[in-house]
Amino acid sequence: MPTSQIKSYDQEIWPQCTIRTTEVGFSPKGKPPLLFIHGYGGTGSIYFDLFKPLSEHFHAYFIDMLGMGLSSRETYDAATAEDTH
């Protein structure tokens, strides 16, 4: 699939916090939207093989959950087990 038919960007959801979003099937306009959210520990790129077939019928969105893939994640600086609670 040509890269001109794939959009990837960081969507800000609040200051300094973004969700990586990838879109396919955005042209031509009017296709029904379809949202993909990966499971825990994953990334939206696991759907890469689906980009082309889905883009023919849907305006598909693939997002990386917070803390996963290329989305924002909070700093984790616990030095001991006691610091984690």
C-alpha atoms as a PDB file:
ATOM      1  CA  MET A   1       0.000   0.000   0.000  1.00  0.00           C
ATOM      2  CA  PRO A   2       1.505   3.394  -0.948  1.00  0.00           C
ATOM      3  CA  THR A   3       2.462   5.571   2.001  1.00  0.00           C
ATOM      4  CA  SER A   4       0.372   8.384   0.471  1.00  0.00           C
ATOM      5  CA  GLN A   5      -2.686   6.315   1.429  1.00  0.00           C
ATOM      6  CA  ILE A   6      -1.638   6.009   5.087  1.00  0.00           C
ATOM      7  CA  LYS A   7      -1.778   8.846   7.627  1.00  0.00           C
ATOM      8  CA  SER A   8      -0.005   8.498  10.976  1.00  0.00           C
ATOM      9  CA  TYR A   9       0.013  11.265  13.547  1.00  0.00           C
ATOM     10  CA  ASP A  10      -0.036  11.981  17.274  1.00  0.00           C
ATOM     11  CA  GLN A  11      -3.487  13.158  18.373  1.00  0.00           C
ATOM     12  CA  GLU A  12      -3.251  15.335  21.473  1.00  0.00           C
ATOM     13  CA  ILE A  13      -5.871  14.385  24.054  1.00  0.00           C
ATOM     14  CA  TRP A  14      -4.634  16.796  26.749  1.00  0.00           C
ATOM     15  CA  PRO A  15      -1.436  18.868  27.080  1.00  0.00           C
ATOM     16  CA  GLN A  16       1.689  16.728  26.588  1.00  0.00           C
ATOM     17  CA  CYS A  17      -0.363  13.544  26.142  1.00  0.00           C
ATOM     18  CA  THR A  18      -0.899  12.062  22.702  1.00  0.00           C
ATOM     19  CA  ILE A  19      -2.429   8.985  21.165  1.00  0.00           C
ATOM     20  CA  ARG A  20      -0.692   7.661  18.032  1.00  0.00           C
ATOM     21  CA  THR A  21      -3.329   7.280  15.333  1.00  0.00           C
ATOM     22  CA  THR A  22      -3.036   5.706  11.893  1.00  0.00           C
ATOM     23  CA  GLU A  23      -5.741   6.161   9.252  1.00  0.00           C
ATOM     24  CA  VAL A  24      -6.423   4.385   5.972  1.00  0.00           C
ATOM     25  CA  GLY A  25      -9.365   4.578   3.589  1.00  0.00           C
ATOM     26  CA  PHE A  26      -9.808   8.335   4.035  1.00  0.00           C
ATOM     27  CA  SER A  27     -10.230   8.813   0.289  1.00  0.00           C
ATOM     28  CA  PRO A  28     -12.742   8.889  -1.285  1.00  0.00           C
ATOM     29  CA  LYS A  29     -14.921  10.480   1.369  1.00  0.00           C
ATOM     30  CA  GLY A  30     -18.088   8.874   2.667  1.00  0.00           C
ATOM     31  CA  LYS A  31     -16.844   5.443   3.750  1.00  0.00           C
ATOM     32  CA  PRO A  32     -18.135   4.240   7.129  1.00  0.00           C
ATOM     33  CA  PRO A  33     -15.660   4.676  10.008  1.00  0.00           C
ATOM     34  CA  LEU A  34     -14.127   1.660  11.702  1.00  0.00           C
ATOM     35  CA  LEU A  35     -11.990   1.862  14.864  1.00  0.00           C
ATOM     36  CA  PHE A  36      -9.352  -0.698  15.902  1.00  0.00           C
ATOM     37  CA  ILE A  37      -7.913  -0.841  19.415  1.00  0.00           C
ATOM     38  CA  HIS A  38      -5.253  -3.466  20.117  1.00  0.00           C
ATOM     39  CA  GLY A  39      -5.104  -5.637  23.212  1.00  0.00           C
ATOM     40  CA  TYR A  40      -2.866  -5.068  26.215  1.00  0.00           C
ATOM     41  CA  GLY A  41       0.843  -4.914  25.424  1.00  0.00           C
ATOM     42  CA  GLY A  42       0.269  -4.363  21.712  1.00  0.00           C
ATOM     43  CA  THR A  43       0.426  -1.616  19.126  1.00  0.00           C
ATOM     44  CA  GLY A  44      -1.807  -0.456  16.270  1.00  0.00           C
ATOM     45  CA  SER A  45       0.804  -1.653  13.785  1.00  0.00           C
ATOM     46  CA  ILE A  46      -0.247  -5.290  14.408  1.00  0.00           C
ATOM     47  CA  TYR A  47      -3.063  -4.559  11.954  1.00  0.00           C
ATOM     48  CA  PHE A  48      -0.679  -3.592   9.134  1.00  0.00           C
ATOM     49  CA  ASP A  49      -1.746  -6.491   6.879  1.00  0.00           C
ATOM     50  CA  LEU A  50      -5.358  -5.294   7.131  1.00  0.00           C
ATOM     51  CA  PHE A  51      -4.676  -1.722   5.970  1.00  0.00           C
ATOM     52  CA  LYS A  52      -5.155  -2.309   2.243  1.00  0.00           C
ATOM     53  CA  PRO A  53      -8.243  -4.571   2.261  1.00  0.00           C
ATOM     54  CA  LEU A  54     -10.016  -2.469   4.889  1.00  0.00           C
ATOM     55  CA  SER A  55      -9.186   0.809   3.134  1.00  0.00           C
ATOM     56  CA  GLU A  56     -11.255  -0.303   0.151  1.00  0.00           C
ATOM     57  CA  HIS A  57     -14.467  -0.334   2.220  1.00  0.00           C
ATOM     58  CA  PHE A  58     -13.870   1.699   5.390  1.00  0.00           C
ATOM     59  CA  HIS A  59     -12.253   4.819   6.746  1.00  0.00           C
ATOM     60  CA  ALA A  60     -10.301   2.833   9.342  1.00  0.00           C
ATOM     61  CA  TYR A  61      -8.566   4.205  12.429  1.00  0.00           C
ATOM     62  CA  PHE A  62      -5.892   2.233  14.308  1.00  0.00           C
ATOM     63  CA  ILE A  63      -4.833   3.670  17.654  1.00  0.00           C
ATOM     64  CA  ASP A  64      -2.114   2.897  20.155  1.00  0.00           C
ATOM     65  CA  MET A  65      -3.507   2.841  23.678  1.00  0.00           C
ATOM     66  CA  LEU A  66      -1.872   5.147  26.220  1.00  0.00           C
ATOM     67  CA  GLY A  67       1.444   3.716  27.343  1.00  0.00           C
ATOM     68  CA  MET A  68       1.680   1.401  24.311  1.00  0.00           C
ATOM     69  CA  GLY A  69       3.298   1.663  20.877  1.00  0.00           C
ATOM     70  CA  LEU A  70       4.019   5.295  19.993  1.00  0.00           C
ATOM     71  CA  SER A  71       1.426   6.852  22.329  1.00  0.00           C
ATOM     72  CA  SER A  72       2.391   8.832  25.424  1.00  0.00           C
ATOM     73  CA  ARG A  73       3.318   7.031  28.570  1.00  0.00           C
ATOM     74  CA  GLU A  74       3.815   8.313  32.073  1.00  0.00           C
ATOM     75  CA  THR A  75       7.307   8.329  33.536  1.00  0.00           C
ATOM     76  CA  TYR A  76       7.872   5.342  35.783  1.00  0.00           C
ATOM     77  CA  ASP A  77      10.629   6.010  38.240  1.00  0.00           C
ATOM     78  CA  ALA A  78       9.977   3.650  41.136  1.00  0.00           C
ATOM     79  CA  ALA A  79      13.246   2.494  42.696  1.00  0.00           C
ATOM     80  CA  THR A  80      11.779  -0.039  45.103  1.00  0.00           C
ATOM     81  CA  ALA A  81       8.695  -2.225  45.394  1.00  0.00           C
ATOM     82  CA  GLU A  82       7.403   0.111  48.093  1.00  0.00           C
ATOM     83  CA  ASP A  83       7.485   3.014  45.602  1.00  0.00           C
ATOM     84  CA  THR A  84       4.914   1.317  43.365  1.00  0.00           C
ATOM     85  CA  HIS A  85       1.825   1.879  45.501  1.00  0.00           C
END
